N, C-alpha and C. Protein backbone atom coordinates (compact mmCIF):
# COMPACT_ATOMS: atom_id res chain seq x y z
N MET A 1 18.37 -16.57 -16.38
CA MET A 1 17.63 -15.24 -16.22
C MET A 1 17.22 -14.87 -17.48
N ALA A 2 16.18 -14.25 -17.78
CA ALA A 2 15.60 -13.67 -18.90
C ALA A 2 15.97 -12.17 -19.07
N ASP A 3 16.01 -11.81 -20.20
CA ASP A 3 16.47 -10.48 -20.71
C ASP A 3 15.06 -9.59 -20.64
N ASP A 4 15.13 -8.39 -20.02
CA ASP A 4 13.99 -7.63 -20.36
C ASP A 4 14.18 -6.53 -21.53
N SER A 5 13.25 -5.80 -21.78
CA SER A 5 13.42 -4.78 -22.87
C SER A 5 14.45 -3.84 -22.76
N VAL A 6 15.01 -3.61 -21.59
CA VAL A 6 15.88 -2.52 -21.40
C VAL A 6 17.25 -2.99 -21.48
N GLY A 7 17.42 -4.29 -21.51
CA GLY A 7 18.88 -4.76 -21.69
C GLY A 7 19.43 -5.33 -20.35
N GLY A 8 18.58 -5.23 -19.23
CA GLY A 8 19.10 -5.81 -18.03
C GLY A 8 18.52 -7.33 -17.80
N THR A 9 18.57 -7.77 -16.46
CA THR A 9 18.00 -8.97 -16.46
C THR A 9 16.90 -8.90 -15.14
N THR A 10 15.98 -9.78 -15.30
CA THR A 10 14.96 -9.80 -14.32
C THR A 10 15.05 -11.16 -13.49
N GLU A 11 14.42 -11.08 -12.40
CA GLU A 11 14.58 -12.26 -11.47
C GLU A 11 13.46 -13.21 -11.83
N PRO A 12 13.82 -14.51 -11.89
CA PRO A 12 12.66 -15.31 -12.28
C PRO A 12 11.71 -15.46 -11.17
N PRO A 13 10.38 -15.88 -11.56
CA PRO A 13 9.31 -15.95 -10.62
C PRO A 13 9.76 -16.98 -9.47
N GLY A 14 9.22 -16.70 -8.20
CA GLY A 14 9.56 -17.45 -6.92
C GLY A 14 10.65 -16.84 -6.27
N VAL A 15 11.62 -16.03 -6.83
CA VAL A 15 12.77 -15.46 -6.18
C VAL A 15 12.20 -14.53 -5.11
N PRO A 16 12.61 -14.56 -3.82
CA PRO A 16 12.17 -13.67 -2.80
C PRO A 16 12.45 -12.19 -3.18
N ALA A 17 11.75 -11.29 -2.86
CA ALA A 17 11.98 -9.99 -3.03
C ALA A 17 13.08 -9.41 -1.97
N THR A 18 13.85 -8.42 -2.37
CA THR A 18 14.75 -7.75 -1.39
C THR A 18 13.95 -7.09 -0.54
N PRO A 19 14.54 -6.91 0.73
CA PRO A 19 14.00 -6.12 1.73
C PRO A 19 13.54 -4.60 1.37
N ARG A 20 14.50 -4.11 0.44
CA ARG A 20 14.32 -2.61 0.11
C ARG A 20 13.02 -2.62 -0.85
N ALA A 21 13.04 -3.71 -1.88
CA ALA A 21 11.65 -3.73 -2.67
C ALA A 21 10.41 -4.04 -1.84
N ARG A 22 10.46 -4.86 -0.91
CA ARG A 22 9.38 -5.12 -0.02
C ARG A 22 8.84 -3.75 0.63
N ALA A 23 9.88 -3.17 1.09
CA ALA A 23 9.50 -1.74 2.01
C ALA A 23 9.04 -0.91 0.94
N TRP A 24 9.46 -0.72 -0.15
CA TRP A 24 8.94 0.19 -1.13
C TRP A 24 7.44 -0.18 -1.57
N SER A 25 7.34 -1.40 -1.83
CA SER A 25 5.85 -1.87 -2.17
C SER A 25 5.00 -1.53 -1.12
N ALA A 26 5.36 -1.86 0.25
CA ALA A 26 4.59 -1.68 1.31
C ALA A 26 4.15 -0.29 1.50
N ALA A 27 5.15 0.63 1.30
CA ALA A 27 4.94 2.08 1.46
C ALA A 27 4.01 2.53 0.56
N LEU A 28 4.10 2.08 -0.73
CA LEU A 28 3.03 2.52 -1.84
C LEU A 28 1.70 1.95 -1.44
N TRP A 29 1.49 0.77 -0.95
CA TRP A 29 0.25 0.30 -0.49
C TRP A 29 -0.21 1.07 0.67
N GLY A 30 0.69 1.56 1.61
CA GLY A 30 0.11 2.39 2.75
C GLY A 30 -0.27 3.80 2.21
N LEU A 31 0.41 4.23 1.33
CA LEU A 31 -0.14 5.56 0.68
C LEU A 31 -1.42 5.41 0.11
N GLY A 32 -1.59 4.39 -0.71
CA GLY A 32 -2.84 4.10 -1.34
C GLY A 32 -4.02 3.84 -0.46
N GLY A 33 -3.79 3.39 0.85
CA GLY A 33 -4.71 3.16 1.71
C GLY A 33 -5.06 4.30 2.26
N GLY A 34 -4.21 5.11 2.64
CA GLY A 34 -4.34 6.45 3.36
C GLY A 34 -5.10 7.47 2.55
N PHE A 35 -4.71 7.45 1.29
CA PHE A 35 -5.55 8.39 0.38
C PHE A 35 -6.77 7.94 -0.15
N ALA A 36 -6.93 6.64 -0.17
CA ALA A 36 -8.23 5.99 -0.28
C ALA A 36 -9.27 6.46 0.66
N PHE A 37 -8.98 6.33 2.03
CA PHE A 37 -9.57 6.71 3.15
C PHE A 37 -10.07 8.20 2.95
N LEU A 38 -9.01 9.08 2.64
CA LEU A 38 -9.19 10.41 2.52
C LEU A 38 -10.18 10.70 1.49
N VAL A 39 -10.32 10.05 0.46
CA VAL A 39 -11.22 10.26 -0.74
C VAL A 39 -12.68 9.97 -0.21
N LEU A 40 -12.54 8.73 0.32
CA LEU A 40 -13.89 8.28 0.89
C LEU A 40 -14.51 9.39 1.88
N ALA A 41 -13.75 9.71 2.78
CA ALA A 41 -14.27 10.80 3.80
C ALA A 41 -14.55 12.03 3.18
N GLN A 42 -13.87 12.57 2.22
CA GLN A 42 -14.26 13.83 1.41
C GLN A 42 -15.49 13.60 0.73
N GLY A 43 -15.67 12.43 -0.06
CA GLY A 43 -16.98 12.15 -0.66
C GLY A 43 -18.26 12.14 0.47
N TYR A 44 -17.95 11.61 1.61
CA TYR A 44 -18.96 11.64 2.51
C TYR A 44 -19.35 12.81 3.02
N LEU A 45 -18.29 13.76 3.23
CA LEU A 45 -18.56 15.12 3.54
C LEU A 45 -19.24 16.04 2.49
N LEU A 46 -18.83 15.85 1.21
CA LEU A 46 -19.48 16.42 0.09
C LEU A 46 -21.05 16.01 0.09
N LEU A 47 -21.42 14.79 0.41
CA LEU A 47 -22.74 14.53 0.36
C LEU A 47 -23.50 14.82 1.67
N ASP A 48 -23.01 15.99 2.39
CA ASP A 48 -23.59 16.52 3.49
C ASP A 48 -23.69 15.68 4.67
N GLY A 49 -22.52 14.85 4.97
CA GLY A 49 -22.33 14.10 6.04
C GLY A 49 -21.68 14.82 7.11
N ASP A 50 -21.68 14.22 8.21
CA ASP A 50 -20.95 14.91 9.34
C ASP A 50 -20.25 13.99 10.06
N LEU A 51 -18.96 14.38 10.38
CA LEU A 51 -17.97 13.35 11.05
C LEU A 51 -17.96 13.77 12.62
N PRO A 52 -17.57 12.98 13.46
CA PRO A 52 -17.43 13.30 14.83
C PRO A 52 -16.18 13.85 15.21
N PHE A 53 -15.51 14.27 14.22
CA PHE A 53 -14.14 14.74 14.49
C PHE A 53 -13.79 15.82 13.36
N GLY A 54 -12.77 16.57 13.48
CA GLY A 54 -12.48 17.61 12.61
C GLY A 54 -11.34 17.10 11.61
N TYR A 55 -10.90 18.10 10.82
CA TYR A 55 -9.80 17.74 9.78
C TYR A 55 -8.46 17.22 10.47
N ALA A 56 -8.14 17.71 11.64
CA ALA A 56 -6.98 17.02 12.33
C ALA A 56 -7.17 15.61 12.59
N GLY A 57 -8.27 15.22 13.06
CA GLY A 57 -8.68 13.82 13.31
C GLY A 57 -8.73 12.94 12.12
N LEU A 58 -9.23 13.55 11.11
CA LEU A 58 -9.39 12.87 9.88
C LEU A 58 -7.98 12.52 9.17
N PHE A 59 -6.99 13.39 9.29
CA PHE A 59 -5.71 13.12 8.78
C PHE A 59 -4.92 12.17 9.89
N ALA A 60 -5.16 12.39 10.99
CA ALA A 60 -4.42 11.37 11.83
C ALA A 60 -5.06 9.94 11.77
N LEU A 61 -6.38 9.81 11.43
CA LEU A 61 -7.01 8.53 11.18
C LEU A 61 -6.37 8.06 9.89
N ALA A 62 -6.24 8.91 8.80
CA ALA A 62 -5.65 8.34 7.56
C ALA A 62 -4.25 8.05 7.77
N GLY A 63 -3.38 8.56 8.51
CA GLY A 63 -2.06 8.25 8.85
C GLY A 63 -2.06 6.79 9.46
N ALA A 64 -2.98 6.58 10.45
CA ALA A 64 -3.12 5.28 11.08
C ALA A 64 -3.46 4.18 10.08
N ILE A 65 -4.34 4.66 9.29
CA ILE A 65 -4.93 3.54 8.03
C ILE A 65 -3.66 3.32 7.16
N ALA A 66 -2.86 4.34 6.87
CA ALA A 66 -1.82 4.07 6.00
C ALA A 66 -0.68 3.21 6.61
N ALA A 67 -0.47 3.47 7.93
CA ALA A 67 0.57 2.70 8.74
C ALA A 67 0.19 1.23 8.77
N ALA A 68 -1.15 0.99 8.99
CA ALA A 68 -1.63 -0.29 9.18
C ALA A 68 -1.68 -1.10 7.79
N SER A 69 -2.09 -0.36 6.77
CA SER A 69 -2.07 -1.04 5.48
C SER A 69 -0.79 -1.42 4.93
N GLY A 70 0.15 -0.42 5.20
CA GLY A 70 1.61 -0.74 4.84
C GLY A 70 2.20 -1.83 5.64
N GLY A 71 2.00 -1.96 6.83
CA GLY A 71 2.44 -2.93 7.74
C GLY A 71 1.87 -4.35 7.31
N ILE A 72 0.65 -4.43 7.08
CA ILE A 72 -0.01 -5.60 6.72
C ILE A 72 0.70 -6.10 5.29
N ALA A 73 0.65 -5.00 4.31
CA ALA A 73 1.33 -5.44 3.21
C ALA A 73 2.87 -6.01 3.16
N TYR A 74 3.61 -5.24 4.19
CA TYR A 74 4.86 -5.87 4.26
C TYR A 74 4.99 -7.29 4.77
N ALA A 75 4.01 -7.50 5.76
CA ALA A 75 3.91 -8.72 6.50
C ALA A 75 3.60 -10.01 5.57
N THR A 76 2.65 -9.68 4.72
CA THR A 76 2.10 -10.64 3.77
C THR A 76 2.62 -10.76 2.45
N GLU A 77 3.36 -9.93 2.28
CA GLU A 77 3.81 -10.02 0.69
C GLU A 77 4.67 -11.16 0.41
N HIS A 78 5.55 -11.57 1.27
CA HIS A 78 6.36 -12.65 1.05
C HIS A 78 5.54 -13.99 1.01
N ARG A 79 4.38 -14.02 1.62
CA ARG A 79 3.60 -15.23 1.65
C ARG A 79 2.86 -15.35 0.37
N LEU A 80 2.39 -14.28 -0.13
CA LEU A 80 1.65 -14.33 -1.34
C LEU A 80 2.61 -14.50 -2.66
N HIS A 81 3.93 -13.92 -2.65
CA HIS A 81 4.81 -14.21 -3.65
C HIS A 81 5.27 -15.71 -3.63
N ALA A 82 5.41 -16.18 -2.43
CA ALA A 82 5.71 -17.67 -2.31
C ALA A 82 4.72 -18.53 -2.89
N LYS A 83 3.56 -18.33 -2.88
CA LYS A 83 2.31 -19.04 -3.48
C LYS A 83 2.12 -18.58 -4.89
N ARG A 84 2.91 -17.56 -5.55
CA ARG A 84 2.78 -17.10 -6.94
C ARG A 84 1.45 -16.43 -7.11
N ARG A 85 0.93 -15.64 -6.22
CA ARG A 85 -0.37 -14.96 -6.38
C ARG A 85 -0.17 -13.47 -6.48
N THR A 86 1.12 -13.13 -6.85
CA THR A 86 1.30 -11.64 -7.00
C THR A 86 1.55 -11.40 -8.36
């Protein structure tokens, strides 16, 4: 194992991530997906667009997108890591 700059050790490439690290990574991807949707929706509204639902529906949809993107990230991360594409 190689030493990093803080004095600890890092895992070599190809070692599977721990479930906690995978969950944390998936949660961050989910937050990014949800916030990206909200930013795009706000930009659309600022350009004088009209959505068929109110702000409550907008936040509910953002939550669903966050859950979906986090779930997809959790399900596929181990495959990408095994192929060394992360």
